[in-house]
N, C-alpha and C. Protein backbone atom coordinates (compact mmCIF):
# COMPACT_ATOMS: atom_id res chain seq x y z
N MET A 1 1.03 -1.26 0.00
CA MET A 1 0.05 0.14 0.16
C MET A 1 1.03 1.17 -0.08
N ARG A 2 1.70 1.24 1.00
CA ARG A 2 2.83 2.36 1.16
C ARG A 2 3.03 2.36 -0.59
N LYS A 3 3.26 1.81 -1.16
CA LYS A 3 4.29 2.00 -2.12
C LYS A 3 3.39 2.60 -3.39
N ALA A 4 2.03 2.19 -2.99
CA ALA A 4 1.12 2.78 -4.22
C ALA A 4 0.90 4.47 -4.04
N LEU A 5 1.62 4.66 -2.41
CA LEU A 5 1.76 5.99 -2.11
C LEU A 5 2.82 6.75 -2.46
N LEU A 6 3.82 6.27 -2.42
CA LEU A 6 5.03 6.32 -3.02
C LEU A 6 4.68 6.84 -4.47
N SER A 7 4.01 6.11 -5.24
CA SER A 7 3.85 6.04 -6.58
C SER A 7 2.95 7.60 -6.72
N VAL A 8 2.33 7.52 -6.04
CA VAL A 8 1.49 9.04 -6.19
C VAL A 8 2.48 10.04 -6.59
N LEU A 9 3.19 9.61 -5.56
CA LEU A 9 4.16 11.35 -5.73
C LEU A 9 4.95 11.31 -6.92
N SER A 10 5.43 9.93 -7.44
CA SER A 10 6.36 9.43 -8.57
C SER A 10 5.55 10.24 -9.87
N THR A 11 4.60 9.79 -10.09
CA THR A 11 3.37 9.94 -11.12
C THR A 11 3.30 11.84 -10.94
N SER A 12 2.85 11.97 -9.75
CA SER A 12 2.63 13.61 -9.94
C SER A 12 3.22 14.24 -11.04
N VAL A 13 3.21 14.72 -10.79
CA VAL A 13 3.10 15.51 -11.96
C VAL A 13 2.23 15.74 -13.27
N ILE A 14 2.65 15.09 -11.89
CA ILE A 14 2.11 15.04 -12.35
C ILE A 14 1.05 15.61 -13.04
N VAL A 15 0.91 15.38 -12.55
CA VAL A 15 -0.24 16.46 -12.88
C VAL A 15 -0.62 16.57 -13.61
N LEU A 16 -0.53 16.47 -14.71
CA LEU A 16 -0.77 16.68 -16.26
C LEU A 16 -0.96 15.97 -17.22
N ALA A 17 -1.13 14.51 -17.12
CA ALA A 17 -1.27 13.95 -18.31
C ALA A 17 -1.98 13.61 -19.00
N LEU A 18 -2.40 13.29 -20.44
CA LEU A 18 -3.66 12.60 -20.71
C LEU A 18 -3.57 11.34 -21.93
N GLY A 19 -4.51 10.41 -21.47
CA GLY A 19 -4.45 9.17 -22.06
C GLY A 19 -4.42 9.14 -23.44
N ILE A 20 -4.40 7.80 -23.74
CA ILE A 20 -4.47 7.46 -25.39
C ILE A 20 -5.44 7.06 -25.74
N GLY A 21 -6.03 7.52 -27.00
CA GLY A 21 -8.03 7.20 -27.12
C GLY A 21 -7.68 6.78 -28.76
N THR A 22 -8.83 6.62 -29.17
CA THR A 22 -8.77 5.88 -30.53
C THR A 22 -8.25 7.49 -31.52
N SER A 23 -8.95 8.51 -31.41
CA SER A 23 -8.28 9.73 -32.10
C SER A 23 -7.05 9.76 -32.49
N ALA A 24 -6.07 9.53 -31.20
CA ALA A 24 -4.84 9.21 -31.44
C ALA A 24 -4.16 8.30 -32.49
N ALA A 25 -4.94 7.52 -33.23
CA ALA A 25 -4.60 6.58 -33.99
C ALA A 25 -4.76 7.58 -35.26
N THR A 26 -5.55 8.83 -35.44
CA THR A 26 -5.84 9.33 -36.54
C THR A 26 -5.43 10.37 -36.56
N ALA A 27 -4.77 10.63 -35.30
CA ALA A 27 -4.27 12.57 -35.40
C ALA A 27 -3.06 12.34 -36.19
N THR A 28 -2.91 14.07 -36.66
CA THR A 28 -1.62 14.14 -37.50
C THR A 28 -0.46 14.45 -36.60
N THR A 29 0.65 14.34 -36.90
CA THR A 29 2.23 14.51 -36.16
C THR A 29 2.15 15.92 -36.38
N ALA A 30 2.46 16.79 -35.01
CA ALA A 30 2.52 18.39 -35.30
C ALA A 30 4.01 18.65 -34.97
N THR A 31 4.47 19.58 -35.43
CA THR A 31 5.56 20.56 -35.70
C THR A 31 5.51 21.75 -35.17
N THR A 32 4.16 22.15 -35.12
CA THR A 32 3.94 23.58 -34.71
C THR A 32 2.63 24.04 -34.38
N TRP A 33 2.54 24.84 -33.08
CA TRP A 33 0.97 24.64 -32.50
C TRP A 33 0.59 26.17 -32.38
N THR A 34 -0.17 26.39 -32.20
CA THR A 34 -0.76 27.71 -31.65
C THR A 34 -1.69 27.71 -30.27
N ILE A 35 -1.24 28.40 -29.39
CA ILE A 35 -2.24 28.83 -28.46
C ILE A 35 -2.91 29.85 -28.18
N SER A 36 -3.75 29.86 -27.17
CA SER A 36 -4.43 30.93 -27.28
C SER A 36 -5.62 30.92 -25.87
N PRO A 37 -5.27 31.78 -24.74
CA PRO A 37 -4.41 33.12 -24.88
C PRO A 37 -3.07 32.30 -24.26
N GLY A 38 -3.00 31.44 -23.88
CA GLY A 38 -1.28 31.33 -23.34
C GLY A 38 -1.06 31.75 -22.10
N GLY A 39 0.20 31.89 -21.41
CA GLY A 39 0.47 32.45 -20.38
C GLY A 39 0.08 31.95 -18.99
N THR A 40 0.08 32.57 -18.04
CA THR A 40 -0.16 31.63 -16.55
C THR A 40 -1.21 31.04 -16.39
N VAL A 41 -1.29 29.68 -16.18
CA VAL A 41 -2.60 28.67 -16.22
C VAL A 41 -2.27 28.36 -14.54
N THR A 42 -3.65 27.49 -14.52
CA THR A 42 -3.55 26.57 -13.27
C THR A 42 -3.92 25.04 -13.57
N GLY A 43 -4.52 24.31 -13.04
CA GLY A 43 -4.92 23.41 -13.20
C GLY A 43 -5.16 22.57 -12.13
N THR A 44 -6.74 22.18 -11.82
CA THR A 44 -7.34 21.70 -10.77
C THR A 44 -8.03 20.50 -10.74
N ALA A 45 -7.50 19.31 -10.05
CA ALA A 45 -8.24 17.93 -10.53
C ALA A 45 -8.70 17.50 -9.02
N GLY A 46 -9.99 16.82 -9.09
CA GLY A 46 -10.82 16.46 -8.13
C GLY A 46 -9.93 14.90 -7.59
N LYS A 47 -10.67 14.02 -7.24
CA LYS A 47 -10.35 12.44 -6.94
C LYS A 47 -9.29 12.41 -8.01
N THR A 48 -7.76 12.07 -7.77
CA THR A 48 -6.75 11.66 -8.48
C THR A 48 -6.31 10.05 -7.88
N ILE A 49 -5.89 9.23 -8.72
CA ILE A 49 -5.68 7.79 -8.54
C ILE A 49 -4.56 7.65 -9.33
N VAL A 50 -3.43 7.04 -8.18
CA VAL A 50 -1.87 6.77 -8.69
C VAL A 50 -2.14 4.96 -8.49
N THR A 51 -1.78 4.21 -9.51
CA THR A 51 -1.85 2.71 -8.90
C THR A 51 -0.55 2.18 -9.22
N ASP A 52 -0.46 1.33 -8.53
CA ASP A 52 1.11 0.81 -8.15
C ASP A 52 1.03 -0.68 -9.56
N THR A 53 1.58 -0.50 -10.51
CA THR A 53 0.77 -1.57 -11.29
C THR A 53 1.69 -3.17 -10.92
N ASN A 54 2.65 -2.83 -10.22
CA ASN A 54 3.12 -4.29 -9.60
C ASN A 54 2.51 -5.10 -8.30
N THR A 55 2.12 -4.19 -7.46
CA THR A 55 0.92 -4.57 -6.19
C THR A 55 -0.48 -4.57 -6.68
N GLY A 56 -0.81 -3.54 -7.18
CA GLY A 56 -1.92 -3.23 -7.52
C GLY A 56 -2.93 -2.36 -6.69
N ALA A 57 -2.28 -1.91 -5.81
CA ALA A 57 -2.27 -0.95 -4.70
C ALA A 57 -2.67 0.42 -5.51
N GLN A 58 -3.69 1.09 -4.74
CA GLN A 58 -3.92 2.41 -5.43
C GLN A 58 -3.88 3.53 -3.93
N VAL A 59 -3.76 4.88 -4.44
CA VAL A 59 -3.06 5.51 -3.59
C VAL A 59 -4.24 6.82 -4.27
N VAL A 60 -5.15 6.91 -3.51
CA VAL A 60 -6.26 8.08 -3.86
C VAL A 60 -6.12 9.31 -3.16
N CYS A 61 -6.14 10.56 -3.93
CA CYS A 61 -6.12 12.13 -3.31
C CYS A 61 -7.00 12.42 -3.82
N THR A 62 -7.64 13.47 -2.60
CA THR A 62 -8.96 14.01 -2.37
C THR A 62 -8.99 14.97 -3.73
N SER A 63 -7.86 15.73 -4.05
CA SER A 63 -7.45 16.36 -5.03
C SER A 63 -6.40 16.72 -5.33
N SER A 64 -6.04 17.52 -6.50
CA SER A 64 -4.45 17.54 -6.95
C SER A 64 -4.77 18.77 -7.81
N SER A 65 -3.47 19.21 -7.81
CA SER A 65 -3.36 20.93 -8.85
C SER A 65 -1.97 21.11 -9.44
N PHE A 66 -1.72 22.08 -10.14
CA PHE A 66 -0.28 22.66 -10.73
C PHE A 66 -0.24 23.76 -11.20
N GLY A 67 0.12 24.35 -11.24
CA GLY A 67 0.79 25.86 -11.97
C GLY A 67 1.49 25.73 -12.89
N ALA A 68 1.45 26.53 -14.23
CA ALA A 68 2.19 26.47 -15.51
C ALA A 68 2.32 27.70 -16.00
N THR A 69 3.35 27.68 -16.85
CA THR A 69 3.09 28.94 -17.86
C THR A 69 3.15 28.13 -19.40
N LEU A 70 2.10 28.70 -20.31
CA LEU A 70 2.20 28.82 -21.68
C LEU A 70 2.93 29.45 -22.54
N LYS A 71 3.31 28.96 -23.67
CA LYS A 71 3.67 29.85 -24.78
C LYS A 71 2.31 30.21 -25.43
N SER A 72 2.24 31.55 -25.86
CA SER A 72 0.74 32.23 -26.59
C SER A 72 1.43 32.79 -28.17
N GLY A 73 0.37 32.44 -28.90
CA GLY A 73 0.79 32.79 -30.26
C GLY A 73 0.41 31.29 -31.37
N THR A 74 0.95 31.74 -32.52
CA THR A 74 1.51 31.05 -33.68
C THR A 74 2.95 30.72 -34.17
N GLY A 75 2.82 29.18 -34.65
CA GLY A 75 4.19 28.79 -35.09
C GLY A 75 4.78 28.62 -33.72
N LYS A 76 4.04 28.33 -33.02
CA LYS A 76 5.13 27.56 -31.21
C LYS A 76 5.61 26.16 -31.41
N ILE A 77 6.72 25.83 -31.05
CA ILE A 77 7.26 24.35 -31.06
C ILE A 77 7.34 23.85 -29.55
N ASN A 78 7.59 22.57 -29.91
CA ASN A 78 7.64 22.10 -28.02
C ASN A 78 9.50 22.93 -27.08
N PRO A 79 9.23 22.84 -25.74
CA PRO A 79 8.04 22.38 -25.26
C PRO A 79 6.92 23.72 -25.41
N LEU A 80 5.65 23.05 -25.25
CA LEU A 80 4.56 24.25 -25.22
C LEU A 80 4.35 24.99 -24.11
N GLY A 81 4.99 24.43 -22.97
CA GLY A 81 4.59 25.14 -21.64
C GLY A 81 5.33 24.24 -20.34
N GLN A 82 5.69 25.23 -19.55
CA GLN A 82 6.22 24.65 -18.30
C GLN A 82 5.37 24.59 -17.14
N ILE A 83 5.69 23.56 -16.43
CA ILE A 83 5.08 23.17 -15.12
C ILE A 83 5.97 23.59 -13.88
N THR A 84 5.54 24.53 -12.91
CA THR A 84 6.65 24.61 -12.05
C THR A 84 6.02 24.72 -10.36
N ALA A 85 4.78 24.14 -10.58
CA ALA A 85 4.50 23.65 -9.11
C ALA A 85 3.48 22.70 -9.56
N VAL A 86 3.49 21.55 -8.34
CA VAL A 86 2.48 20.50 -8.37
C VAL A 86 2.07 20.03 -6.85
N ALA A 87 1.16 20.07 -6.41
CA ALA A 87 0.40 19.31 -5.55
C ALA A 87 -0.62 18.11 -5.46
N TYR A 88 -0.49 17.05 -4.21
CA TYR A 88 -1.31 16.00 -4.16
C TYR A 88 -1.94 16.67 -2.37
N ASN A 89 -3.73 16.49 -2.54
CA ASN A 89 -3.72 16.46 -1.47
C ASN A 89 -4.57 15.54 -0.42
N SER A 90 -4.32 15.23 0.60
CA SER A 90 -5.10 14.24 1.87
C SER A 90 -4.96 13.01 0.63
N CYS A 91 -4.01 12.33 0.78
CA CYS A 91 -3.53 11.13 -0.14
C CYS A 91 -3.40 10.15 0.70
N THR A 92 -4.21 8.74 0.59
CA THR A 92 -4.25 7.90 1.13
C THR A 92 -4.61 6.29 0.47
N VAL A 93 -3.62 5.45 0.80
CA VAL A 93 -3.44 4.33 0.32
C VAL A 93 -5.22 3.76 0.26
N SER A 94 -5.70 3.12 -0.70
CA SER A 94 -6.96 2.84 -0.49
C SER A 94 -7.49 1.53 0.73
N GLY A 95 -8.36 2.12 1.63
CA GLY A 95 -8.50 0.62 2.57
C GLY A 95 -7.62 0.66 3.87
N SER A 96 -6.79 1.72 3.76
CA SER A 96 -5.94 1.46 5.06
C SER A 96 -5.63 2.97 5.61
N GLY A 97 -5.44 4.11 5.17
CA GLY A 97 -5.65 5.09 5.89
C GLY A 97 -4.18 5.68 6.11
N PHE A 98 -3.45 4.89 5.35
CA PHE A 98 -1.73 5.35 5.33
C PHE A 98 -1.56 6.77 4.14
N SER A 99 -1.12 7.84 4.73
CA SER A 99 -1.14 9.37 4.31
C SER A 99 0.62 9.11 3.42
N ILE A 100 0.71 10.05 2.44
CA ILE A 100 1.77 10.84 1.94
C ILE A 100 1.64 11.85 2.79
N THR A 101 3.23 12.19 3.14
CA THR A 101 3.47 13.45 4.39
C THR A 101 4.26 14.29 3.53
N SER A 102 5.28 14.08 2.03
CA SER A 102 5.76 14.98 1.81
C SER A 102 6.00 14.31 -0.10
N PHE A 103 6.38 15.37 -0.77
CA PHE A 103 6.94 14.98 -2.02
C PHE A 103 7.46 16.81 -2.31
N ALA A 104 8.51 15.96 -3.37
CA ALA A 104 9.25 17.05 -4.11
C ALA A 104 9.71 17.19 -5.30
N SER A 105 9.92 18.10 -6.36
CA SER A 105 10.42 17.35 -7.70
C SER A 105 11.85 18.14 -7.14
N SER A 106 12.92 17.07 -7.59
CA SER A 106 14.18 17.59 -7.55
C SER A 106 14.30 18.31 -9.36
N THR A 107 14.03 18.39 -10.33
CA THR A 107 13.59 18.83 -11.73
C THR A 107 12.63 19.80 -11.71
N SER A 108 13.22 21.06 -12.21
CA SER A 108 12.10 22.16 -12.38
C SER A 108 12.83 23.40 -13.73
N PRO A 109 11.75 23.44 -14.46
CA PRO A 109 10.36 22.98 -14.64
C PRO A 109 10.09 21.55 -15.18
N TRP A 110 9.14 21.10 -15.31
CA TRP A 110 8.47 20.09 -15.68
C TRP A 110 7.90 20.44 -17.28
N HIS A 111 8.20 19.52 -18.60
CA HIS A 111 7.80 20.37 -20.17
C HIS A 111 6.32 20.00 -20.83
N LEU A 112 5.74 20.74 -20.89
CA LEU A 112 4.50 19.97 -21.37
C LEU A 112 4.66 19.74 -23.10
N ARG A 113 4.76 19.23 -23.90
CA ARG A 113 5.25 18.67 -25.08
C ARG A 113 3.84 17.91 -25.33
N GLY A 114 3.80 18.67 -26.86
CA GLY A 114 2.70 18.37 -27.77
C GLY A 114 3.23 17.38 -28.81
N ALA A 115 2.59 16.30 -28.92
CA ALA A 115 3.15 15.18 -30.18
C ALA A 115 2.04 15.39 -31.07
N THR A 116 0.47 15.02 -31.25
CA THR A 116 -0.33 15.30 -32.39
C THR A 116 -1.58 15.83 -31.72
N TYR A 117 -2.15 16.12 -33.27
CA TYR A 117 -3.43 17.03 -33.20
C TYR A 117 -4.46 16.37 -33.63
N SER A 118 -5.85 16.15 -33.30
CA SER A 118 -6.77 15.78 -34.18
C SER A 118 -8.07 16.37 -33.28
N SER A 119 -9.06 17.10 -34.14
CA SER A 119 -10.24 17.05 -33.73
C SER A 119 -10.55 17.87 -32.27
N GLY A 120 -9.29 18.83 -31.94
CA GLY A 120 -9.95 19.35 -30.71
C GLY A 120 -8.91 19.14 -29.62
N LEU A 121 -8.14 18.06 -29.94
CA LEU A 121 -7.53 16.82 -29.27
C LEU A 121 -6.01 16.69 -29.04
N THR A 122 -5.51 17.63 -28.45
CA THR A 122 -4.04 17.40 -28.45
C THR A 122 -3.11 16.42 -27.44
N HIS A 123 -2.71 14.84 -27.84
CA HIS A 123 -1.97 14.56 -27.56
C HIS A 123 -0.22 14.15 -27.07
N GLY A 124 0.29 14.24 -25.98
CA GLY A 124 1.11 14.89 -26.03
C GLY A 124 1.85 13.96 -24.45
N GLN A 125 2.72 14.95 -23.63
CA GLN A 125 3.08 14.73 -22.58
C GLN A 125 3.64 15.63 -21.52
N VAL A 126 3.96 15.14 -20.16
CA VAL A 126 4.88 15.87 -19.62
C VAL A 126 6.23 15.29 -19.27
N SER A 127 7.44 15.83 -19.38
CA SER A 127 8.44 15.51 -19.37
C SER A 127 9.32 15.57 -18.27
N ASN A 128 10.51 15.42 -17.95
CA ASN A 128 11.39 15.86 -17.16
C ASN A 128 10.92 15.81 -15.47
N ILE A 129 10.41 14.60 -15.50
CA ILE A 129 9.83 14.42 -14.21
C ILE A 129 10.88 13.56 -13.25
N GLN A 130 11.14 14.23 -11.83
CA GLN A 130 11.77 13.64 -11.31
C GLN A 130 11.79 14.12 -9.77
N GLY A 131 11.94 13.17 -8.71
CA GLY A 131 11.50 13.96 -7.53
C GLY A 131 11.96 12.78 -6.45
N SER A 132 11.30 12.89 -4.81
CA SER A 132 11.17 12.54 -3.95
C SER A 132 10.02 12.28 -3.29
N PHE A 133 10.04 11.04 -2.47
CA PHE A 133 8.70 10.84 -1.56
C PHE A 133 9.28 10.90 -0.05
N ALA A 134 8.39 10.82 0.45
CA ALA A 134 8.27 10.02 2.18
C ALA A 134 6.77 9.94 2.60
N GLY A 135 6.96 8.85 3.46
CA GLY A 135 5.50 8.50 4.22
C GLY A 135 6.05 8.44 5.82
N PRO A 136 5.12 7.81 6.37
CA PRO A 136 5.12 7.14 8.03
C PRO A 136 6.47 5.96 8.04
N LEU A 137 7.02 6.10 9.24
CA LEU A 137 7.55 5.62 9.61
C LEU A 137 8.95 5.00 9.08
N GLY A 138 9.58 6.09 8.09
CA GLY A 138 10.62 6.58 7.83
C GLY A 138 10.78 6.17 6.01
N CYS A 139 9.41 5.51 5.59
CA CYS A 139 9.36 5.27 4.47
C CYS A 139 9.85 6.59 3.00
N SER A 140 10.46 6.04 2.51
CA SER A 140 10.93 6.91 1.63
C SER A 140 11.89 6.56 0.29
N GLY A 141 11.93 7.37 -0.78
CA GLY A 141 12.28 6.73 -2.05
C GLY A 141 12.28 7.83 -3.07
N THR A 142 12.87 7.50 -4.64
CA THR A 142 12.95 8.77 -5.39
C THR A 142 11.78 8.33 -6.63
N PHE A 143 11.48 9.15 -7.59
CA PHE A 143 10.76 8.68 -8.36
C PHE A 143 11.58 9.57 -9.54
N ALA A 144 11.43 8.52 -11.05
CA ALA A 144 11.96 8.86 -12.15
C ALA A 144 11.22 8.26 -12.87
N GLY A 145 12.14 8.05 -14.04
CA GLY A 145 11.49 7.19 -15.63
C GLY A 145 12.22 5.90 -15.39
N THR A 146 12.62 5.56 -16.57
CA THR A 146 13.12 4.02 -16.93
C THR A 146 14.19 3.66 -15.96
N SER A 147 15.03 4.43 -15.35
CA SER A 147 16.27 4.42 -14.68
C SER A 147 15.81 5.49 -13.26
N ALA A 148 17.14 5.43 -12.39
CA ALA A 148 16.74 6.24 -11.20
C ALA A 148 17.30 7.96 -11.45
N THR A 149 18.34 7.79 -12.52
CA THR A 149 18.93 8.94 -13.02
C THR A 149 17.97 9.52 -14.34
N THR A 150 17.11 8.74 -14.61
CA THR A 150 16.58 8.90 -15.71
C THR A 150 15.33 9.85 -15.63
N PRO A 151 15.13 11.24 -15.69
CA PRO A 151 13.72 11.39 -15.60
C PRO A 151 12.56 10.83 -16.44
N GLY A 152 11.51 11.19 -16.10
CA GLY A 152 10.28 10.22 -16.25
C GLY A 152 9.00 11.22 -16.94
N SER A 153 8.18 10.76 -17.79
CA SER A 153 7.11 11.31 -18.69
C SER A 153 5.67 10.64 -17.92
N VAL A 154 4.48 11.53 -18.32
CA VAL A 154 3.34 11.27 -18.37
C VAL A 154 2.63 11.87 -19.20
N ARG A 155 1.70 11.17 -19.65
CA ARG A 155 1.43 10.96 -21.26
C ARG A 155 -0.16 11.90 -21.10
N VAL A 156 -0.65 12.99 -21.87
CA VAL A 156 -1.52 13.50 -21.37
C VAL A 156 -2.15 14.20 -22.75
N ILE A 157 -3.57 14.39 -22.46
CA ILE A 157 -4.18 15.10 -23.37
C ILE A 157 -5.26 16.09 -23.44
N TYR A 158 -5.25 16.97 -24.04
CA TYR A 158 -5.93 18.36 -23.72
C TYR A 158 -7.08 18.08 -24.74
N ASN A 159 -8.25 18.71 -23.80
CA ASN A 159 -9.22 18.96 -25.04
C ASN A 159 -9.95 20.57 -24.43
N ASN A 160 -9.94 20.63 -25.75
CA ASN A 160 -10.38 22.16 -26.27
C ASN A 160 -11.84 22.78 -26.20
N SER A 161 -12.85 21.48 -26.01
CA SER A 161 -13.97 21.95 -25.96
C SER A 161 -14.54 22.06 -24.22
N THR A 162 -13.55 21.28 -23.46
CA THR A 162 -13.62 21.34 -22.16
C THR A 162 -12.75 21.70 -21.26
N GLY A 163 -11.97 22.34 -21.95
CA GLY A 163 -10.75 22.80 -20.97
C GLY A 163 -10.00 22.10 -20.06
N VAL A 164 -10.12 20.40 -20.14
CA VAL A 164 -9.61 19.41 -19.13
C VAL A 164 -8.53 18.97 -19.62
N LEU A 165 -7.16 18.87 -18.98
CA LEU A 165 -6.16 18.06 -19.45
C LEU A 165 -6.01 16.93 -18.40
N THR A 166 -6.34 15.58 -19.19
CA THR A 166 -6.31 14.33 -18.52
C THR A 166 -4.80 13.55 -18.36
N THR A 167 -4.40 13.17 -17.30
CA THR A 167 -3.39 12.34 -17.25
C THR A 167 -4.07 10.93 -17.24
N SER A 168 -2.83 10.02 -18.09
CA SER A 168 -2.86 8.53 -18.09
C SER A 168 -1.62 7.80 -18.39
N GLY A 169 -1.68 6.88 -17.76
CA GLY A 169 0.37 6.04 -18.17
C GLY A 169 1.47 7.25 -18.05
N GLY A 170 2.49 6.89 -19.14
CA GLY A 170 3.94 7.28 -19.02
C GLY A 170 4.66 6.05 -18.36
N ASN A 171 5.83 6.90 -18.08
CA ASN A 171 6.79 5.82 -18.07
C ASN A 171 7.57 5.90 -15.91
N ALA A 172 6.68 6.08 -15.45
CA ALA A 172 7.03 6.60 -14.06
C ALA A 172 7.65 5.61 -13.31
N HIS A 173 8.68 5.44 -12.50
CA HIS A 173 8.61 4.52 -11.35
C HIS A 173 9.36 4.77 -10.32
N ALA A 174 9.25 4.38 -8.83
CA ALA A 174 9.52 4.16 -7.78
C ALA A 174 11.66 3.87 -7.74
N TRP A 175 12.17 4.46 -7.16
CA TRP A 175 13.42 4.29 -7.11
C TRP A 175 14.27 4.39 -5.80
N ASN A 176 15.08 3.72 -5.03
CA ASN A 176 16.00 3.92 -3.96
C ASN A 176 15.34 4.10 -3.10
N VAL A 177 14.19 2.89 -2.90
CA VAL A 177 12.99 2.59 -1.61
C VAL A 177 13.65 2.34 -0.40
N SER A 178 13.04 2.76 0.54
CA SER A 178 13.39 2.54 1.79
C SER A 178 12.83 2.28 2.93
N SER A 179 12.73 1.11 3.80
CA SER A 179 11.82 1.02 4.85
C SER A 179 10.91 1.26 4.74
N CYS A 180 9.96 0.87 3.04
CA CYS A 180 8.19 1.04 2.85
C CYS A 180 7.82 -0.77 3.17
N PHE A 181 8.16 -1.76 3.60
CA PHE A 181 7.63 -2.64 4.22
C PHE A 181 7.54 -3.84 3.03
N GLY A 182 7.70 -3.41 1.95
CA GLY A 182 7.42 -4.29 0.90
C GLY A 182 6.39 -3.68 -0.22
N HIS A 183 5.47 -2.67 0.53
CA HIS A 183 4.77 -2.32 -0.32
C HIS A 183 4.85 -1.47 -1.13
N ILE A 184 5.79 -0.72 -1.34
CA ILE A 184 6.48 -0.71 -2.48
C ILE A 184 8.38 -0.76 -2.72
N ASN A 185 8.34 -1.07 -3.97
CA ASN A 185 9.97 -1.69 -4.21
C ASN A 185 10.57 -0.75 -5.46
N THR A 186 11.83 -0.86 -5.28
CA THR A 186 12.77 -0.25 -6.31
C THR A 186 12.30 -0.69 -7.53
N GLY A 187 12.16 0.15 -8.39
CA GLY A 187 12.03 -0.45 -10.01
C GLY A 187 10.06 -0.49 -10.36
N ASP A 188 9.54 -0.51 -9.20
CA ASP A 188 8.41 -0.72 -9.23
C ASP A 188 7.42 0.87 -10.35
N ALA A 189 6.54 0.56 -11.51
CA ALA A 189 6.15 1.63 -12.39
C ALA A 189 4.65 1.85 -11.97
N VAL A 190 4.57 2.73 -11.89
CA VAL A 190 3.09 3.75 -11.38
C VAL A 190 2.33 4.24 -12.77
N THR A 191 1.28 4.30 -12.76
CA THR A 191 0.21 5.23 -13.36
C THR A 191 -0.55 6.10 -12.58
N ILE A 192 -1.01 7.02 -13.58
CA ILE A 192 -1.55 8.26 -12.60
C ILE A 192 -3.22 8.16 -13.42
N VAL A 193 -4.06 8.96 -12.82
CA VAL A 193 -5.33 9.46 -13.41
C VAL A 193 -5.73 10.12 -12.90
N GLY A 194 -5.93 11.69 -13.89
CA GLY A 194 -6.53 13.02 -12.88
C GLY A 194 -6.88 13.63 -14.44
N HIS A 195 -7.99 14.47 -13.66
CA HIS A 195 -8.75 15.05 -14.94
C HIS A 195 -8.60 16.74 -14.59
N TYR A 196 -7.53 17.56 -15.07
CA TYR A 196 -7.49 19.27 -14.44
C TYR A 196 -8.17 20.08 -15.22
N LYS A 197 -8.78 20.76 -14.58
CA LYS A 197 -9.49 22.05 -15.36
C LYS A 197 -8.48 22.91 -15.49
N ILE A 198 -8.08 23.39 -16.60
CA ILE A 198 -7.32 24.50 -16.77
C ILE A 198 -8.10 25.82 -16.66
N SER A 199 -7.20 26.73 -16.02
CA SER A 199 -8.03 28.32 -15.92
C SER A 199 -6.94 28.94 -16.20
N PRO A 200 -6.77 30.22 -16.91
CA PRO A 200 -7.87 30.05 -17.77
C PRO A 200 -7.72 29.13 -18.73
N ALA A 201 -9.26 28.53 -19.47
CA ALA A 201 -9.28 27.55 -20.65
C ALA A 201 -8.29 28.15 -21.73
N GLN A 202 -7.92 26.91 -22.29
CA GLN A 202 -7.01 27.54 -23.55
C GLN A 202 -7.35 26.78 -24.97
N THR A 203 -6.97 27.24 -25.89
CA THR A 203 -7.18 26.92 -27.23
C THR A 203 -5.56 26.13 -27.60
N ILE A 204 -5.86 24.80 -27.96
CA ILE A 204 -4.43 24.56 -28.81
C ILE A 204 -4.73 23.26 -29.67
N THR A 205 -3.73 24.28 -30.84
CA THR A 205 -4.65 23.78 -32.45
C THR A 205 -2.76 23.57 -33.11
N SER A 206 -3.16 22.59 -34.22
CA SER A 206 -1.87 22.71 -34.96
C SER A 206 -2.38 22.68 -36.51
N PRO A 207 -1.86 23.43 -37.25
CA PRO A 207 -2.29 23.18 -38.89
C PRO A 207 -2.65 21.88 -39.22
């Protein structure tokens, strides 16, 4: 269970990823983007769930949020924006009452990148994710990508019509895990699902 908790932190960034849908298969790879209005934005989500894919344990946060700055205008290239702050609130391992006590990013900013665009949907990722986490009884560790020293990424989809950025999947893993009683182990992969309402709402398109 604690492992799942740790995984929440690792995927945090969270806070900002979107899943793969059928539209992704028909989308066109994009090299330039138009973003309006751009500038400083916030993303807020309600229930945010991180799942440890090894144990099946889930960390459930009552809410999560992030702060970011987006480019503005036409002809923009990746990264489309930078995420400078992420927060997970009231996180417990489902059915256990175990809570996360701290989360910290060791890389800043995280990068918001677009990949494909189709019918108002931008598929991409949040990259450069790396940091540390801690829980009760000395449980601690770091999170990154496919190695302890390689920053991770989370897949994202932004929907112009709803102004929602959805997170799903990625390559986040827990590393350097200590005193977590086998609930989370070094090398475990995690996934995160969150739906972030972007304010002010953005329109992101690609020719």
